[in-house]
Protein backbone atom coordinates (compact mmCIF):
# COMPACT_ATOMS: atom_id res chain seq x y z
CA UNK A 1 0.00 0.00 0.00
CA UNK A 2 1.16 3.52 -0.74
CA UNK A 3 2.10 5.78 2.13
CA UNK A 4 2.82 8.70 -0.20
CA UNK A 5 0.75 8.87 -3.35
CA UNK A 6 2.52 11.99 -4.63
CA UNK A 7 5.90 10.23 -4.75
CA UNK A 8 4.59 6.63 -5.05
CA UNK A 9 6.36 5.54 -1.83
CA UNK A 10 5.12 2.27 -0.33
CA UNK A 11 4.90 1.08 3.27
CA UNK A 12 7.70 -1.38 2.54
CA UNK A 13 9.99 1.43 1.38
CA UNK A 14 9.28 3.40 4.56
CA UNK A 15 9.82 0.30 6.73
CA UNK A 16 13.14 -0.32 4.94
CA UNK A 17 14.14 3.28 5.56
CA UNK A 18 13.30 2.98 9.26
CA UNK A 19 15.20 -0.31 9.46
CA UNK A 20 18.19 1.47 7.95
CA UNK A 21 18.19 4.00 10.76
CA UNK A 22 15.68 6.75 9.97
CA UNK A 23 14.26 8.14 13.22
CA UNK A 24 12.27 11.14 11.96
CA UNK A 25 9.81 12.03 9.22
CA UNK A 26 12.46 14.39 7.82
CA UNK A 27 14.96 11.53 7.52
CA UNK A 28 12.32 9.40 5.77
CA UNK A 29 11.54 12.33 3.45
CA UNK A 30 15.20 12.90 2.65
CA UNK A 31 15.66 9.23 1.76
CA UNK A 32 12.38 8.33 0.03
CA UNK A 33 10.84 11.66 -0.95
CA UNK A 34 7.67 10.83 1.00
CA UNK A 35 6.18 13.98 2.52
CA UNK A 36 8.01 16.30 0.18
CA UNK A 37 5.00 17.45 -1.82
CA UNK A 38 1.59 17.85 -0.17
CA UNK A 39 2.77 16.35 3.17
CA UNK A 40 -0.54 14.59 3.85
CA UNK A 41 1.42 11.36 4.46
CA UNK A 42 3.62 12.79 7.23
CA UNK A 43 1.11 11.72 9.88
CA UNK A 44 1.22 8.11 8.61
CA UNK A 45 5.03 8.19 8.53
CA UNK A 46 5.12 9.48 12.13
CA UNK A 47 2.79 6.67 13.19
CA UNK A 48 5.06 4.12 11.51
CA UNK A 49 8.09 5.63 13.28
CA UNK A 50 6.27 5.50 16.63
CA UNK A 51 5.31 1.86 16.10
CA UNK A 52 8.90 0.95 15.29
CA UNK A 53 10.13 2.76 18.43
CA UNK A 54 7.52 0.90 20.52
CA UNK A 55 8.69 -2.43 19.07
CA UNK A 56 12.31 -1.62 19.85
CA UNK A 57 11.61 -0.59 23.45
CA UNK A 58 9.45 -3.65 24.19
CA UNK A 59 11.80 -6.15 22.56
PDB file of N, CA and C in Angstrom:
ATOM      1  N   UNK A   1       0.841  -1.172   0.000  1.00  0.00           N
ATOM      2  CA  UNK A   1       0.000   0.000   0.000  1.00  0.00           C
ATOM      3  C   UNK A   1       0.893   1.246   0.000  1.00  0.00           C
ATOM      4  N   UNK A   2       0.414   2.275  -0.687  1.00  0.00           N
ATOM      5  CA  UNK A   2       1.162   3.521  -0.743  1.00  0.00           C
ATOM      6  C   UNK A   2       1.000   4.325   0.545  1.00  0.00           C
ATOM      7  N   UNK A   3       2.113   4.838   1.023  1.00  0.00           N
ATOM      8  CA  UNK A   3       2.099   5.784   2.126  1.00  0.00           C
ATOM      9  C   UNK A   3       2.008   7.186   1.522  1.00  0.00           C
ATOM     10  N   UNK A   4       2.779   7.416   0.488  1.00  0.00           N
ATOM     11  CA  UNK A   4       2.821   8.701  -0.196  1.00  0.00           C
ATOM     12  C   UNK A   4       2.420   8.505  -1.647  1.00  0.00           C
ATOM     13  N   UNK A   5       1.246   8.996  -1.981  1.00  0.00           N
ATOM     14  CA  UNK A   5       0.747   8.866  -3.348  1.00  0.00           C
ATOM     15  C   UNK A   5       1.498   9.814  -4.283  1.00  0.00           C
ATOM     16  N   UNK A   6       1.835  10.994  -3.797  1.00  0.00           N
ATOM     17  CA  UNK A   6       2.524  11.988  -4.629  1.00  0.00           C
ATOM     18  C   UNK A   6       3.846  11.450  -5.188  1.00  0.00           C
ATOM     19  N   UNK A   7       4.576  10.741  -4.364  1.00  0.00           N
ATOM     20  CA  UNK A   7       5.898  10.233  -4.747  1.00  0.00           C
ATOM     21  C   UNK A   7       5.909   8.715  -4.955  1.00  0.00           C
ATOM     22  N   UNK A   8       4.733   8.076  -4.856  1.00  0.00           N
ATOM     23  CA  UNK A   8       4.595   6.626  -5.046  1.00  0.00           C
ATOM     24  C   UNK A   8       5.522   5.839  -4.115  1.00  0.00           C
ATOM     25  N   UNK A   9       5.535   6.214  -2.833  1.00  0.00           N
ATOM     26  CA  UNK A   9       6.362   5.539  -1.827  1.00  0.00           C
ATOM     27  C   UNK A   9       5.477   4.571  -1.054  1.00  0.00           C
ATOM     28  N   UNK A  10       5.906   3.318  -0.985  1.00  0.00           N
ATOM     29  CA  UNK A  10       5.117   2.273  -0.329  1.00  0.00           C
ATOM     30  C   UNK A  10       5.487   2.121   1.147  1.00  0.00           C
ATOM     31  N   UNK A  11       4.616   1.400   1.864  1.00  0.00           N
ATOM     32  CA  UNK A  11       4.901   1.082   3.270  1.00  0.00           C
ATOM     33  C   UNK A  11       6.214   0.335   3.391  1.00  0.00           C
ATOM     34  N   UNK A  12       6.456  -0.598   2.473  1.00  0.00           N
ATOM     35  CA  UNK A  12       7.698  -1.376   2.536  1.00  0.00           C
ATOM     36  C   UNK A  12       8.928  -0.488   2.411  1.00  0.00           C
ATOM     37  N   UNK A  13       8.857   0.511   1.535  1.00  0.00           N
ATOM     38  CA  UNK A  13       9.986   1.427   1.383  1.00  0.00           C
ATOM     39  C   UNK A  13      10.218   2.226   2.658  1.00  0.00           C
ATOM     40  N   UNK A  14       9.144   2.659   3.303  1.00  0.00           N
ATOM     41  CA  UNK A  14       9.278   3.403   4.559  1.00  0.00           C
ATOM     42  C   UNK A  14       9.819   2.489   5.654  1.00  0.00           C
ATOM     43  N   UNK A  15       9.313   1.257   5.729  1.00  0.00           N
ATOM     44  CA  UNK A  15       9.820   0.302   6.726  1.00  0.00           C
ATOM     45  C   UNK A  15      11.311   0.043   6.503  1.00  0.00           C
ATOM     46  N   UNK A  16      11.722  -0.107   5.242  1.00  0.00           N
ATOM     47  CA  UNK A  16      13.137  -0.321   4.942  1.00  0.00           C
ATOM     48  C   UNK A  16      13.972   0.874   5.383  1.00  0.00           C
ATOM     49  N   UNK A  17      13.450   2.063   5.157  1.00  0.00           N
ATOM     50  CA  UNK A  17      14.144   3.285   5.556  1.00  0.00           C
ATOM     51  C   UNK A  17      14.308   3.334   7.073  1.00  0.00           C
ATOM     52  N   UNK A  18      13.242   2.994   7.793  1.00  0.00           N
ATOM     53  CA  UNK A  18      13.297   2.979   9.256  1.00  0.00           C
ATOM     54  C   UNK A  18      14.282   1.918   9.736  1.00  0.00           C
ATOM     55  N   UNK A  19      14.262   0.756   9.101  1.00  0.00           N
ATOM     56  CA  UNK A  19      15.202  -0.310   9.463  1.00  0.00           C
ATOM     57  C   UNK A  19      16.647   0.102   9.227  1.00  0.00           C
ATOM     58  N   UNK A  20      16.840   0.996   8.266  1.00  0.00           N
ATOM     59  CA  UNK A  20      18.189   1.467   7.946  1.00  0.00           C
ATOM     60  C   UNK A  20      18.643   2.607   8.845  1.00  0.00           C
ATOM     61  N   UNK A  21      17.764   3.017   9.775  1.00  0.00           N
ATOM     62  CA  UNK A  21      18.192   3.998  10.758  1.00  0.00           C
ATOM     63  C   UNK A  21      17.424   5.303  10.810  1.00  0.00           C
ATOM     64  N   UNK A  22      16.458   5.507   9.926  1.00  0.00           N
ATOM     65  CA  UNK A  22      15.683   6.753   9.975  1.00  0.00           C
ATOM     66  C   UNK A  22      14.901   6.810  11.285  1.00  0.00           C
ATOM     67  N   UNK A  23      14.947   7.971  11.936  1.00  0.00           N
ATOM     68  CA  UNK A  23      14.257   8.138  13.216  1.00  0.00           C
ATOM     69  C   UNK A  23      13.321   9.340  13.216  1.00  0.00           C
ATOM     70  N   UNK A  24      13.169   9.985  12.055  1.00  0.00           N
ATOM     71  CA  UNK A  24      12.267  11.140  11.964  1.00  0.00           C
ATOM     72  C   UNK A  24      11.612  11.166  10.586  1.00  0.00           C
ATOM     73  N   UNK A  25      10.496  11.885  10.506  1.00  0.00           N
ATOM     74  CA  UNK A  25       9.811  12.033   9.218  1.00  0.00           C
ATOM     75  C   UNK A  25      10.717  12.753   8.220  1.00  0.00           C
ATOM     76  N   UNK A  26      11.529  13.678   8.704  1.00  0.00           N
ATOM     77  CA  UNK A  26      12.456  14.389   7.816  1.00  0.00           C
ATOM     78  C   UNK A  26      13.484  13.430   7.226  1.00  0.00           C
ATOM     79  N   UNK A  27      13.997  12.510   8.030  1.00  0.00           N
ATOM     80  CA  UNK A  27      14.955  11.530   7.516  1.00  0.00           C
ATOM     81  C   UNK A  27      14.299  10.615   6.492  1.00  0.00           C
ATOM     82  N   UNK A  28      13.056  10.220   6.745  1.00  0.00           N
ATOM     83  CA  UNK A  28      12.320   9.398   5.774  1.00  0.00           C
ATOM     84  C   UNK A  28      12.115  10.200   4.487  1.00  0.00           C
ATOM     85  N   UNK A  29      11.736  11.475   4.621  1.00  0.00           N
ATOM     86  CA  UNK A  29      11.540  12.330   3.448  1.00  0.00           C
ATOM     87  C   UNK A  29      12.827  12.475   2.649  1.00  0.00           C
ATOM     88  N   UNK A  30      13.929  12.704   3.342  1.00  0.00           N
ATOM     89  CA  UNK A  30      15.203  12.900   2.653  1.00  0.00           C
ATOM     90  C   UNK A  30      15.635  11.653   1.890  1.00  0.00           C
ATOM     91  N   UNK A  31      15.269  10.481   2.398  1.00  0.00           N
ATOM     92  CA  UNK A  31      15.660   9.228   1.762  1.00  0.00           C
ATOM     93  C   UNK A  31      14.689   8.785   0.676  1.00  0.00           C
ATOM     94  N   UNK A  32      13.382   8.880   0.958  1.00  0.00           N
ATOM     95  CA  UNK A  32      12.376   8.332   0.033  1.00  0.00           C
ATOM     96  C   UNK A  32      11.634   9.383  -0.777  1.00  0.00           C
ATOM     97  N   UNK A  33      11.628  10.614  -0.305  1.00  0.00           N
ATOM     98  CA  UNK A  33      10.843  11.658  -0.946  1.00  0.00           C
ATOM     99  C   UNK A  33       9.448  11.791  -0.371  1.00  0.00           C
ATOM    100  N   UNK A  34       9.010  10.818   0.420  1.00  0.00           N
ATOM    101  CA  UNK A  34       7.666  10.834   1.001  1.00  0.00           C
ATOM    102  C   UNK A  34       7.505  12.035   1.914  1.00  0.00           C
ATOM    103  N   UNK A  35       6.437  12.795   1.705  1.00  0.00           N
ATOM    104  CA  UNK A  35       6.184  13.978   2.515  1.00  0.00           C
ATOM    105  C   UNK A  35       6.760  15.244   1.926  1.00  0.00           C
ATOM    106  N   UNK A  36       7.383  15.140   0.783  1.00  0.00           N
ATOM    107  CA  UNK A  36       8.015  16.302   0.178  1.00  0.00           C
ATOM    108  C   UNK A  36       7.103  17.170  -0.659  1.00  0.00           C
ATOM    109  N   UNK A  37       5.918  16.672  -0.982  1.00  0.00           N
ATOM    110  CA  UNK A  37       5.003  17.453  -1.817  1.00  0.00           C
ATOM    111  C   UNK A  37       3.874  18.014  -0.968  1.00  0.00           C
ATOM    112  N   UNK A  38       2.759  17.312  -0.881  1.00  0.00           N
ATOM    113  CA  UNK A  38       1.588  17.845  -0.166  1.00  0.00           C
ATOM    114  C   UNK A  38       1.669  17.601   1.342  1.00  0.00           C
ATOM    115  N   UNK A  39       2.514  16.672   1.762  1.00  0.00           N
ATOM    116  CA  UNK A  39       2.770  16.351   3.172  1.00  0.00           C
ATOM    117  C   UNK A  39       1.602  15.695   3.898  1.00  0.00           C
ATOM    118  N   UNK A  40       0.585  15.246   3.171  1.00  0.00           N
ATOM    119  CA  UNK A  40      -0.542  14.591   3.849  1.00  0.00           C
ATOM    120  C   UNK A  40      -0.147  13.222   4.413  1.00  0.00           C
ATOM    121  N   UNK A  41       0.978  12.679   3.987  1.00  0.00           N
ATOM    122  CA  UNK A  41       1.419  11.365   4.460  1.00  0.00           C
ATOM    123  C   UNK A  41       2.307  11.445   5.703  1.00  0.00           C
ATOM    124  N   UNK A  42       2.688  12.644   6.108  1.00  0.00           N
ATOM    125  CA  UNK A  42       3.617  12.787   7.232  1.00  0.00           C
ATOM    126  C   UNK A  42       3.045  12.166   8.498  1.00  0.00           C
ATOM    127  N   UNK A  43       1.752  12.311   8.703  1.00  0.00           N
ATOM    128  CA  UNK A  43       1.112  11.718   9.882  1.00  0.00           C
ATOM    129  C   UNK A  43       1.271  10.196   9.890  1.00  0.00           C
ATOM    130  N   UNK A  44       1.077   9.575   8.740  1.00  0.00           N
ATOM    131  CA  UNK A  44       1.224   8.114   8.610  1.00  0.00           C
ATOM    132  C   UNK A  44       2.682   7.718   8.859  1.00  0.00           C
ATOM    133  N   UNK A  45       3.613   8.477   8.323  1.00  0.00           N
ATOM    134  CA  UNK A  45       5.035   8.188   8.530  1.00  0.00           C
ATOM    135  C   UNK A  45       5.379   8.292  10.014  1.00  0.00           C
ATOM    136  N   UNK A  46       4.872   9.312  10.682  1.00  0.00           N
ATOM    137  CA  UNK A  46       5.123   9.476  12.126  1.00  0.00           C
ATOM    138  C   UNK A  46       4.552   8.307  12.915  1.00  0.00           C
ATOM    139  N   UNK A  47       3.382   7.826  12.519  1.00  0.00           N
ATOM    140  CA  UNK A  47       2.785   6.668  13.189  1.00  0.00           C
ATOM    141  C   UNK A  47       3.649   5.433  12.983  1.00  0.00           C
ATOM    142  N   UNK A  48       4.191   5.267  11.785  1.00  0.00           N
ATOM    143  CA  UNK A  48       5.064   4.123  11.513  1.00  0.00           C
ATOM    144  C   UNK A  48       6.345   4.222  12.332  1.00  0.00           C
ATOM    145  N   UNK A  49       6.895   5.421  12.452  1.00  0.00           N
ATOM    146  CA  UNK A  49       8.092   5.625  13.281  1.00  0.00           C
ATOM    147  C   UNK A  49       7.795   5.302  14.744  1.00  0.00           C
ATOM    148  N   UNK A  50       6.659   5.749  15.234  1.00  0.00           N
ATOM    149  CA  UNK A  50       6.271   5.503  16.630  1.00  0.00           C
ATOM    150  C   UNK A  50       6.131   4.014  16.880  1.00  0.00           C
ATOM    151  N   UNK A  51       5.477   3.313  15.953  1.00  0.00           N
ATOM    152  CA  UNK A  51       5.311   1.858  16.097  1.00  0.00           C
ATOM    153  C   UNK A  51       6.661   1.167  16.133  1.00  0.00           C
ATOM    154  N   UNK A  52       7.590   1.602  15.297  1.00  0.00           N
ATOM    155  CA  UNK A  52       8.900   0.952  15.285  1.00  0.00           C
ATOM    156  C   UNK A  52       9.641   1.223  16.588  1.00  0.00           C
ATOM    157  N   UNK A  53       9.497   2.436  17.140  1.00  0.00           N
ATOM    158  CA  UNK A  53      10.131   2.757  18.431  1.00  0.00           C
ATOM    159  C   UNK A  53       9.521   1.903  19.533  1.00  0.00           C
ATOM    160  N   UNK A  54       8.194   1.725  19.500  1.00  0.00           N
ATOM    161  CA  UNK A  54       7.516   0.896  20.517  1.00  0.00           C
ATOM    162  C   UNK A  54       7.999  -0.540  20.439  1.00  0.00           C
ATOM    163  N   UNK A  55       8.205  -1.052  19.235  1.00  0.00           N
ATOM    164  CA  UNK A  55       8.686  -2.431  19.075  1.00  0.00           C
ATOM    165  C   UNK A  55      10.100  -2.577  19.607  1.00  0.00           C
ATOM    166  N   UNK A  56      10.917  -1.569  19.386  1.00  0.00           N
ATOM    167  CA  UNK A  56      12.311  -1.624  19.854  1.00  0.00           C
ATOM    168  C   UNK A  56      12.360  -1.589  21.382  1.00  0.00           C
ATOM    169  N   UNK A  57      11.553  -0.732  21.994  1.00  0.00           N
ATOM    170  CA  UNK A  57      11.614  -0.594  23.451  1.00  0.00           C
ATOM    171  C   UNK A  57      10.983  -1.783  24.176  1.00  0.00           C
ATOM    172  N   UNK A  58      10.066  -2.507  23.528  1.00  0.00           N
ATOM    173  CA  UNK A  58       9.450  -3.650  24.190  1.00  0.00           C
ATOM    174  C   UNK A  58      10.158  -4.956  23.876  1.00  0.00           C
ATOM    175  N   UNK A  59      11.094  -4.910  22.964  1.00  0.00           N
ATOM    176  CA  UNK A  59      11.804  -6.147  22.563  1.00  0.00           C
ATOM    177  C   UNK A  59      12.870  -6.531  23.570  1.00  0.00           C
TER     178      UNK A  59
END
